[in-house]
């Protein structure tokens, strides 16, 4: 069964709500401590569409009870991740108090640490050369309490002889701060953290330099020099040592030992007892020679029975050199002098500055006191007539050398010689009692130390009687 007809209907007006829609696509933001997020960008990235787009508001909690009240700060050492909550209010009055009044959204913000501060944890004040960690500086977070990094600084090398005041500059550059906090380079959250501290740095451990002349004369000055030198060879201090007196005959080895103790070096450099130094020591030998120019010299010339001699003595009386020659003796009759000269030479062999050589020829000779005579006499040669004799014949014995010889006649006629037969003493030949015949006569002289010398060949003569007969006598 089919029906048909018209039904009347009426509609009274109701409060319709017209609010925008949002499609948030908000990128996470990175900000420096103490700066606001870029809300304008956030509101663009909310992508609101439709009518009645009202105002944005921001909160620090998901319950939307804590309003955003200013730039967030980060007083730590590390980035801080926070969530900011936002809502877009619909401006349609009909939406007030309804669930459609607000569209909520949120976004992430990385808040990087605030400006760091440098803080000196320790300053040694005084330090050895190249000492480690003489300055320790902390990098503090902006709360000026939390340590974010520590830098340690060593003293520089002090290669001089003098104490230096070193200004040590500590710095964390912007790039280093950005690396510590992982801030992107373009964000510009920081300025350099820098400062300077003064440290007194004492000279480095010195070295010992020794100047040794090696060879020296007695009592020479400055034969060893002990130098304290810095790292580049400059002399910081020195001690000198003199040779001892050597008054003997021979070289002496003198030993020199000394020490610059660590305490000596601290005094030298004005350093406190902070163990900067170790001892420096030397052990040196020097050959110390006597001065031969001061040696005593005694020379004695020789004579008969006494040899030549020489003696060289040191300043302390020690005999350095002595020599005695051969003894000259009487050479005997008519022999040449016995010459036994002593030639000596002595070189101590010292260094030139204190050496002297000695040498000479010392005479030593003995002349003979024995000389041979030269006998002669007047020989009555030929035939001697007994009857013609006028008395004794003067033989005139002589010594041509006149050496004081004694004489004696020999031969068959010697028995007829009368008087002193020494040379020049007037011996004669008395033949008054001699029988006729042939005779020989020779003269012998004897001088001390010499063999007798006899005239040769013997003198010969004949004694004859050639007297006329005396008549009437028989």
Protein backbone atom coordinates (compact mmCIF):
# COMPACT_ATOMS: atom_id res chain seq x y z
CA UNK A 1 0.00 0.00 0.00
CA UNK A 2 1.42 3.31 -0.93
CA UNK A 3 1.18 6.62 0.98
CA UNK A 4 2.07 10.10 -0.05
CA UNK A 5 1.99 13.56 1.51
CA UNK A 6 4.11 16.50 2.73
CA UNK A 7 5.72 16.75 6.15
CA UNK A 8 6.71 20.17 7.39
CA UNK A 9 10.12 20.57 9.30
CA UNK A 10 11.91 23.57 10.79
CA UNK A 11 15.57 24.06 12.06
CA UNK A 12 16.49 26.61 14.64
CA UNK A 13 20.10 28.12 14.34
CA UNK A 14 22.90 26.45 16.46
CA UNK A 15 26.48 27.76 17.51
CA UNK A 16 28.79 26.30 14.83
CA UNK A 17 32.68 26.31 15.58
CA UNK A 18 35.14 27.20 12.82
CA UNK A 19 38.77 26.59 13.98
CA UNK A 20 42.05 26.11 12.06
CA UNK A 21 43.81 22.82 11.52
CA UNK A 22 47.55 22.27 12.13
CA UNK A 23 50.06 19.83 10.59
CA UNK A 24 53.25 20.41 12.67
CA UNK A 25 56.59 19.64 11.00
CA UNK A 26 58.86 21.49 13.42
CA UNK A 27 62.60 20.98 13.11
CA UNK A 28 64.67 20.60 16.29
CA UNK A 29 66.50 23.79 17.16
CA UNK A 30 70.03 24.45 18.59
CA UNK A 31 70.55 27.57 20.63
CA UNK A 32 73.19 29.13 22.83
CA UNK A 33 72.51 29.31 26.53
CA UNK A 34 70.58 32.46 27.32
CA UNK A 35 68.97 32.86 23.89
CA UNK A 36 65.40 32.21 22.81
CA UNK A 37 64.37 29.62 20.27
CA UNK A 38 63.31 30.89 16.88
CA UNK A 39 59.55 30.97 17.62
CA UNK A 40 58.74 32.64 14.31
CA UNK A 41 60.14 29.66 12.45
CA UNK A 42 58.32 27.30 14.80
CA UNK A 43 55.00 29.04 14.10
CA UNK A 44 55.61 28.75 10.40
CA UNK A 45 56.48 25.07 10.71
CA UNK A 46 53.20 24.41 12.64
CA UNK A 47 51.55 24.69 9.25
CA UNK A 48 48.22 26.12 10.49
CA UNK A 49 45.40 26.32 7.94
CA UNK A 50 41.83 27.47 8.09
CA UNK A 51 40.02 30.30 9.77
CA UNK A 52 40.27 31.89 13.15
CA UNK A 53 44.02 31.38 13.63
CA UNK A 54 44.64 32.90 17.00
CA UNK A 55 47.76 33.39 19.13
CA UNK A 56 50.57 30.98 20.01
CA UNK A 57 51.61 30.32 23.58
CA UNK A 58 54.51 28.24 24.94
CA UNK A 59 55.04 26.17 28.05
CA UNK A 60 57.82 24.25 29.72
CA UNK A 61 55.70 21.22 30.68
CA UNK A 62 53.37 18.87 28.91
CA UNK A 63 50.52 19.87 31.18
CA UNK A 64 50.76 23.42 29.94
CA UNK A 65 50.97 24.72 33.48
CA UNK A 66 54.43 26.31 33.41
CA UNK A 67 54.59 29.12 30.89
CA UNK A 68 57.79 29.69 28.97
CA UNK A 69 59.36 32.53 30.89
CA UNK A 70 62.47 33.55 29.02
CA UNK A 71 65.63 32.24 27.41
CA UNK A 72 66.74 28.84 28.78
CA UNK A 73 70.24 28.63 30.31
CA UNK A 74 72.70 25.77 30.49
CA UNK A 75 75.28 26.06 33.31
CA UNK A 76 76.69 22.57 32.78
CA UNK A 77 79.47 21.29 30.58
CA UNK A 78 77.27 19.39 28.17
CA UNK A 79 74.41 20.21 25.81
CA UNK A 80 70.96 20.27 27.43
CA UNK A 81 68.00 18.78 25.54
CA UNK A 82 64.64 20.38 26.41
CA UNK A 83 61.12 20.12 25.01
CA UNK A 84 59.06 23.25 24.58
CA UNK A 85 55.35 22.78 24.40
CA UNK A 86 53.20 25.10 22.31
CA UNK A 87 49.52 25.58 21.50
CA UNK A 88 47.62 27.55 18.90
CA UNK A 89 44.43 29.14 20.18
CA UNK A 90 41.36 29.24 17.96
CA UNK A 91 40.00 32.78 17.78
CA UNK A 92 36.38 31.67 17.16
CA UNK A 93 34.47 32.74 20.28
CA UNK A 94 32.35 29.66 20.05
CA UNK A 95 35.47 27.57 20.65
CA UNK A 96 36.18 29.11 24.01
CA UNK A 97 36.19 26.52 26.70
CA UNK A 98 35.77 23.69 24.28
CA UNK A 99 38.19 20.99 23.32
CA UNK A 100 38.65 22.69 20.03
CA UNK A 101 39.94 25.95 21.51
CA UNK A 102 43.62 24.87 21.39
CA UNK A 103 45.74 22.79 19.03
CA UNK A 104 48.84 21.53 20.86
CA UNK A 105 52.29 20.80 19.52
CA UNK A 106 55.88 20.50 20.83
CA UNK A 107 59.46 20.75 19.58
CA UNK A 108 62.98 19.86 20.76
CA UNK A 109 65.62 22.44 21.59
CA UNK A 110 69.31 21.76 22.25
CA UNK A 111 70.67 24.36 24.64
CA UNK A 112 74.46 24.48 24.53
CA UNK A 113 76.54 25.31 27.63
CA UNK A 114 76.99 28.91 28.55
CA UNK A 115 80.28 30.83 28.28
CA UNK A 116 83.05 28.93 30.04
CA UNK A 117 85.38 30.43 32.63
CA UNK A 118 89.08 29.74 33.24
CA UNK A 119 90.19 29.01 36.79
CA UNK A 120 93.79 28.44 38.00
CA UNK A 121 93.85 25.28 40.05
CA UNK A 122 97.55 25.48 40.86
CA UNK A 123 100.61 27.61 40.06
CA UNK A 124 103.95 26.24 41.23
CA UNK A 125 105.30 29.78 41.35
CA UNK A 126 108.90 28.46 41.17
CA UNK A 127 109.98 25.63 38.92
CA UNK A 128 112.92 23.83 37.41
CA UNK A 129 113.61 24.18 33.72
CA UNK A 130 111.10 22.11 31.72
CA UNK A 131 109.31 21.02 34.90
CA UNK A 132 105.98 19.41 34.18
CA UNK A 133 102.55 20.77 35.14
CA UNK A 134 103.79 23.95 36.79
CA UNK A 135 100.46 25.54 35.91
CA UNK A 136 97.12 23.71 36.01
CA UNK A 137 94.03 25.57 34.77
CA UNK A 138 90.46 24.33 34.86
CA UNK A 139 87.80 25.23 32.35
CA UNK A 140 84.67 25.78 34.43
CA UNK A 141 81.09 25.75 33.33
CA UNK A 142 79.17 28.99 33.66
CA UNK A 143 78.12 27.93 37.15
CA UNK A 144 81.82 28.63 37.99
CA UNK A 145 81.95 25.35 39.83
CA UNK A 146 81.73 22.42 37.44
CA UNK A 147 85.06 21.42 35.82
CA UNK A 148 84.63 20.81 32.13
CA UNK A 149 88.28 20.44 31.12
CA UNK A 150 91.77 20.81 32.54
CA UNK A 151 94.88 22.06 30.79
CA UNK A 152 98.34 21.48 32.19
CA UNK A 153 101.35 23.60 31.25
CA UNK A 154 105.05 22.76 31.59
CA UNK A 155 107.82 25.23 32.21
CA UNK A 156 109.90 26.16 29.20
CA UNK A 157 113.56 25.24 28.94
CA UNK A 158 115.79 27.83 30.60
CA UNK A 159 119.11 27.36 28.81
CA UNK A 160 120.76 30.41 30.37
CA UNK A 161 122.69 31.01 33.58
CA UNK A 162 120.01 33.32 34.97
CA UNK A 163 116.61 32.83 36.53
CA UNK A 164 113.77 33.91 34.22
CA UNK A 165 110.18 34.87 34.88
CA UNK A 166 108.02 33.03 32.37
CA UNK A 167 104.55 34.25 31.54
CA UNK A 168 102.48 31.19 30.70
CA UNK A 169 99.38 32.02 28.69
CA UNK A 170 96.50 29.60 28.85
CA UNK A 171 93.85 29.67 26.16
CA UNK A 172 90.82 27.75 25.04
CA UNK A 173 89.95 29.06 21.61
CA UNK A 174 86.42 29.34 20.31
CA UNK A 175 87.07 26.31 18.14
CA UNK A 176 88.25 24.31 21.15
CA UNK A 177 85.22 25.42 23.21
CA UNK A 178 82.90 24.45 20.37
CA UNK A 179 84.58 21.06 20.20
CA UNK A 180 84.18 20.56 23.96
CA UNK A 181 80.47 21.48 23.89
CA UNK A 182 79.81 20.06 20.39
CA UNK A 183 78.37 23.40 19.27
CA UNK A 184 78.06 23.78 15.52
CA UNK A 185 80.61 26.22 14.19
CA UNK A 186 78.08 28.75 12.97
CA UNK A 187 76.25 29.17 16.26
CA UNK A 188 78.79 31.56 17.84
CA UNK A 189 78.10 30.86 21.49
CA UNK A 190 81.59 31.59 22.83
CA UNK A 191 84.56 33.85 23.06
CA UNK A 192 88.10 32.69 23.83
CA UNK A 193 88.89 31.80 27.42
CA UNK A 194 92.37 33.12 28.08
CA UNK A 195 94.65 34.30 30.84
CA UNK A 196 98.28 34.51 31.88
CA UNK A 197 100.23 33.37 34.92
CA UNK A 198 103.85 34.06 35.88
CA UNK A 199 106.25 31.28 36.96
CA UNK A 200 109.87 31.71 38.04
CA UNK A 201 111.95 29.21 36.06
CA UNK A 202 115.46 28.38 37.22
CA UNK A 203 118.31 27.46 34.86
CA UNK A 204 118.47 23.95 33.49
CA UNK A 205 120.91 21.41 34.89
CA UNK A 206 124.33 22.76 33.88
CA UNK A 207 127.25 20.75 32.58
CA UNK A 208 130.85 20.61 33.69
CA UNK A 209 133.49 21.89 31.31
CA UNK A 210 137.11 21.24 32.27
CA UNK A 211 140.17 23.03 30.89
CA UNK A 212 143.30 21.05 31.75
CA UNK A 213 146.75 22.19 30.63
CA UNK A 214 147.93 18.57 31.15
CA UNK A 215 151.60 19.58 31.58
CA UNK A 216 152.69 22.37 33.91
CA UNK A 217 155.75 23.74 35.68
CA UNK A 218 156.12 23.82 39.43
CA UNK A 219 153.66 26.17 41.16
CA UNK A 220 152.11 27.31 37.87
CA UNK A 221 148.83 29.18 38.30
CA UNK A 222 145.52 28.00 36.83
CA UNK A 223 146.45 24.59 35.52
CA UNK A 224 142.87 23.28 35.81
CA UNK A 225 139.68 25.28 35.33
CA UNK A 226 136.34 23.78 36.40
CA UNK A 227 133.54 25.60 34.59
CA UNK A 228 129.80 25.37 35.13
CA UNK A 229 128.23 25.99 31.72
CA UNK A 230 124.66 26.40 30.60
CA UNK A 231 123.02 24.41 27.84
CA UNK A 232 124.56 26.52 25.08
CA UNK A 233 128.06 26.71 26.56
CA UNK A 234 127.99 30.02 28.41
CA UNK A 235 130.08 30.00 31.59
CA UNK A 236 127.95 30.49 34.68
CA UNK A 237 130.73 30.03 37.23
CA UNK A 238 134.23 28.61 37.44
CA UNK A 239 136.86 27.49 39.87
CA UNK A 240 140.59 27.45 39.13
CA UNK A 241 143.37 25.35 40.59
CA UNK A 242 147.13 25.96 40.79
CA UNK A 243 149.94 23.43 40.54
CA UNK A 244 151.76 22.47 43.71
CA UNK A 245 155.48 23.16 44.09
CA UNK A 246 157.62 20.33 42.76
CA UNK A 247 161.17 20.72 44.10
CA UNK A 248 162.31 17.20 43.23
CA UNK A 249 164.14 15.83 40.21
CA UNK A 250 161.19 14.20 38.46
CA UNK A 251 157.73 14.99 37.16
CA UNK A 252 154.91 14.47 39.64
CA UNK A 253 151.28 13.69 38.84
CA UNK A 254 148.98 16.00 40.78
CA UNK A 255 145.35 14.97 41.12
CA UNK A 256 142.56 17.55 41.31
CA UNK A 257 139.09 16.59 42.53
CA UNK A 258 136.20 18.89 43.30
CA UNK A 259 132.41 18.94 43.30
CA UNK A 260 129.76 21.53 42.66
CA UNK A 261 127.11 19.94 44.84
CA UNK A 262 123.42 20.32 44.15
CA UNK A 263 123.35 22.77 47.07
CA UNK A 264 126.21 24.75 45.49
CA UNK A 265 124.27 24.98 42.24
CA UNK A 266 121.12 26.06 44.07
CA UNK A 267 123.13 28.82 45.72
CA UNK A 268 124.70 29.78 42.39
CA UNK A 269 121.34 30.08 40.63
CA UNK A 270 119.35 31.33 43.63
CA UNK A 271 117.09 28.31 43.51
CA UNK A 272 115.21 26.95 46.50
CA UNK A 273 115.62 23.28 47.35
CA UNK A 274 113.22 21.98 44.71
CA UNK A 275 115.54 19.30 43.31
CA UNK A 276 116.49 21.03 40.09
CA UNK A 277 120.13 19.96 40.17
CA UNK A 278 122.52 17.06 40.58
CA UNK A 279 126.18 17.23 41.55
CA UNK A 280 128.91 18.11 39.05
CA UNK A 281 132.32 16.60 39.78
CA UNK A 282 135.81 16.54 38.29
CA UNK A 283 138.77 14.20 38.69
CA UNK A 284 141.75 15.53 36.75
CA UNK A 285 145.47 14.76 36.62
CA UNK A 286 148.22 17.24 35.70
CA UNK A 287 151.89 16.46 35.14
CA UNK A 288 153.80 18.96 37.27
CA UNK A 289 157.46 19.34 36.29
CA UNK A 290 160.27 20.80 38.41
CA UNK A 291 161.99 23.91 37.08
CA UNK A 292 165.39 22.69 35.91
CA UNK A 293 166.57 26.29 35.78
CA UNK A 294 166.63 26.21 39.58
CA UNK A 295 168.76 23.05 39.81
CA UNK A 296 172.12 23.35 41.55
CA UNK A 297 175.26 22.59 39.53
CA UNK A 298 178.63 21.60 41.03
CA UNK A 299 181.57 20.92 38.69
CA UNK A 300 185.00 19.76 39.92
CA UNK A 301 188.04 19.66 37.61
CA UNK A 302 190.45 16.75 38.01
CA UNK A 303 194.21 16.54 38.59
CA UNK A 304 196.82 13.86 39.30
CA UNK A 305 195.10 11.27 41.42
CA UNK A 306 191.77 13.19 41.44
CA UNK A 307 189.06 12.63 38.78
CA UNK A 308 186.74 15.31 37.42
CA UNK A 309 183.14 15.12 38.68
CA UNK A 310 179.75 16.78 38.26
CA UNK A 311 176.65 16.83 40.48
CA UNK A 312 173.24 18.35 39.64
CA UNK A 313 170.79 18.68 42.51
CA UNK A 314 167.12 19.58 42.78
CA UNK A 315 165.82 22.39 44.95
CA UNK A 316 165.16 19.93 47.77
CA UNK A 317 168.71 18.61 47.62
CA UNK A 318 168.01 15.37 45.78
CA UNK A 319 170.72 14.38 43.34
CA UNK A 320 169.25 14.42 39.85
CA UNK A 321 172.45 13.60 37.98
CA UNK A 322 176.04 12.83 38.91
CA UNK A 323 179.06 11.48 37.08
CA UNK A 324 182.73 10.92 37.94
CA UNK A 325 185.43 10.64 35.32
CA UNK A 326 188.57 8.52 35.22
CA UNK A 327 191.45 9.40 37.53
CA UNK A 328 194.53 10.82 35.71
CA UNK A 329 197.81 9.26 36.87
CA UNK A 330 201.51 10.05 36.37
CA UNK A 331 202.16 8.78 32.84
CA UNK A 332 205.77 7.80 33.54
CA UNK A 333 209.15 8.79 32.18
CA UNK A 334 208.99 11.02 29.15
CA UNK A 335 205.32 9.99 28.41
CA UNK A 336 202.70 12.57 27.38
CA UNK A 337 200.20 13.87 29.93
CA UNK A 338 197.52 11.43 31.09
CA UNK A 339 194.37 13.35 30.02
CA UNK A 340 191.07 12.06 31.51
CA UNK A 341 188.73 14.98 30.74
CA UNK A 342 185.05 14.36 31.65
CA UNK A 343 182.49 15.35 29.04
CA UNK A 344 178.91 15.10 30.33
CA UNK A 345 175.45 15.98 29.05
CA UNK A 346 172.19 15.96 31.01
CA UNK A 347 168.73 16.75 29.67
CA UNK A 348 165.90 16.26 32.21
CA UNK A 349 163.37 16.07 29.37
CA UNK A 350 160.87 18.43 30.96
CA UNK A 351 158.44 20.59 29.01
CA UNK A 352 160.15 23.57 27.36
CA UNK A 353 158.83 26.13 29.84
CA UNK A 354 160.76 24.58 32.71
CA UNK A 355 163.48 22.56 31.06
CA UNK A 356 167.21 23.27 31.01
CA UNK A 357 170.06 21.23 29.60
CA UNK A 358 173.45 20.83 31.19
CA UNK A 359 176.75 19.92 29.60
CA UNK A 360 180.44 20.68 29.77
CA UNK A 361 183.91 19.21 29.45
CA UNK A 362 185.75 19.21 32.76
CA UNK A 363 189.56 19.03 32.48
CA UNK A 364 191.46 16.28 34.26
CA UNK A 365 195.11 15.60 33.40
CA UNK A 366 198.38 14.56 34.98
CA UNK A 367 201.79 15.53 33.56
CA UNK A 368 204.86 13.31 34.07
CA UNK A 369 207.44 14.24 36.67
CA UNK A 370 210.03 11.82 35.24
CA UNK A 371 212.30 12.86 32.41
CA UNK A 372 215.20 11.01 30.84
CA UNK A 373 218.65 12.56 31.13
CA UNK A 374 221.04 13.13 28.19
CA UNK A 375 224.51 11.92 29.40
CA UNK A 376 227.73 13.16 27.84
CA UNK A 377 231.37 13.61 28.85
CA UNK A 378 234.72 14.54 27.25
CA UNK A 379 236.31 11.34 26.03
CA UNK A 380 240.16 11.11 25.89
CA UNK A 381 240.18 9.33 22.60
CA UNK A 382 243.13 8.01 20.70
CA UNK A 383 246.62 7.26 22.12
CA UNK A 384 247.59 8.82 25.38
CA UNK A 385 251.29 9.00 26.18
CA UNK A 386 251.75 8.36 29.81
CA UNK A 387 254.91 10.42 29.81
CA UNK A 388 253.03 13.39 28.38
CA UNK A 389 250.31 13.47 30.99
CA UNK A 390 250.08 16.74 32.75
CA UNK A 391 247.79 15.47 35.49
CA UNK A 392 244.21 14.15 35.69
CA UNK A 393 242.04 14.55 32.63
CA UNK A 394 238.83 16.60 33.15
CA UNK A 395 235.99 14.34 31.93
CA UNK A 396 233.40 17.17 32.09
CA UNK A 397 230.36 14.86 32.72
CA UNK A 398 227.10 16.58 31.70
CA UNK A 399 223.32 16.08 31.52
CA UNK A 400 222.05 18.06 28.57
CA UNK A 401 218.48 17.70 29.91
CA UNK A 402 219.48 18.84 33.38
CA UNK A 403 216.88 16.65 35.08
CA UNK A 404 218.89 16.15 38.29
CA UNK A 405 220.19 12.74 37.38
CA UNK A 406 222.98 10.93 39.18
CA UNK A 407 225.98 9.76 37.19
CA UNK A 408 228.46 6.94 37.26
CA UNK A 409 231.27 6.01 34.90
CA UNK A 410 231.78 2.51 33.65
CA UNK A 411 234.11 0.66 31.41
CA UNK A 412 237.62 -0.64 31.95
CA UNK A 413 238.88 2.83 32.85
CA UNK A 414 236.12 3.46 35.41
CA UNK A 415 238.43 2.62 38.25
CA UNK A 416 240.66 5.58 37.45
CA UNK A 417 237.80 8.15 37.66
CA UNK A 418 238.02 10.28 40.73
CA UNK A 419 235.69 12.85 42.25
CA UNK A 420 231.91 13.25 42.25
CA UNK A 421 230.68 11.64 39.07
CA UNK A 422 227.33 13.49 38.89
CA UNK A 423 226.86 15.90 36.01
CA UNK A 424 228.84 19.11 36.38
CA UNK A 425 230.56 18.01 39.54
CA UNK A 426 234.11 17.94 38.04
CA UNK A 427 234.95 14.21 37.85
CA UNK A 428 238.43 13.52 36.39
CA UNK A 429 240.39 10.57 34.94
CA UNK A 430 243.62 9.96 36.80
CA UNK A 431 245.83 7.58 34.76
CA UNK A 432 248.93 8.04 36.83
CA UNK A 433 248.75 4.54 38.15
CA UNK A 434 247.23 2.94 35.08
CA UNK A 435 249.28 0.37 33.24
CA UNK A 436 249.61 0.75 29.51
CA UNK A 437 246.88 -0.79 27.46
CA UNK A 438 243.58 -0.25 25.72
CA UNK A 439 240.74 1.14 27.83
CA UNK A 440 237.03 1.86 27.52
CA UNK A 441 234.99 4.44 29.34
CA UNK A 442 231.22 5.15 29.37
CA UNK A 443 228.97 7.43 31.38
CA UNK A 444 225.57 6.40 32.81
CA UNK A 445 222.94 8.83 34.15
CA UNK A 446 219.95 7.78 36.24
CA UNK A 447 216.93 10.08 36.86
CA UNK A 448 213.92 9.21 39.14
CA UNK A 449 211.28 7.18 37.40
CA UNK A 450 213.33 6.61 34.30
CA UNK A 451 215.64 3.79 33.26
CA UNK A 452 219.42 4.51 33.28
CA UNK A 453 220.89 5.94 30.08
CA UNK A 454 224.50 5.19 29.06
CA UNK A 455 226.58 6.90 26.45
CA UNK A 456 227.15 4.78 23.42
CA UNK A 457 229.29 3.65 21.89
CA UNK A 458 231.83 3.45 24.71
CA UNK A 459 234.75 5.83 24.60
CA UNK A 460 238.03 3.96 23.80
CA UNK A 461 241.60 5.07 24.20
CA UNK A 462 245.11 3.54 24.55
CA UNK A 463 247.65 4.35 27.24
CA UNK A 464 251.22 4.05 26.04
CA UNK A 465 254.56 4.76 27.62
CA UNK A 466 256.76 6.51 25.14
CA UNK A 467 259.34 8.16 27.37
CA UNK A 468 262.96 8.71 26.13
CA UNK A 469 265.52 6.52 28.00
CA UNK A 470 267.48 8.26 30.76
CA UNK A 471 271.11 7.46 29.90
CA UNK A 472 273.09 5.88 32.58
CA UNK A 473 270.12 4.49 34.31
CA UNK A 474 269.28 0.93 34.06
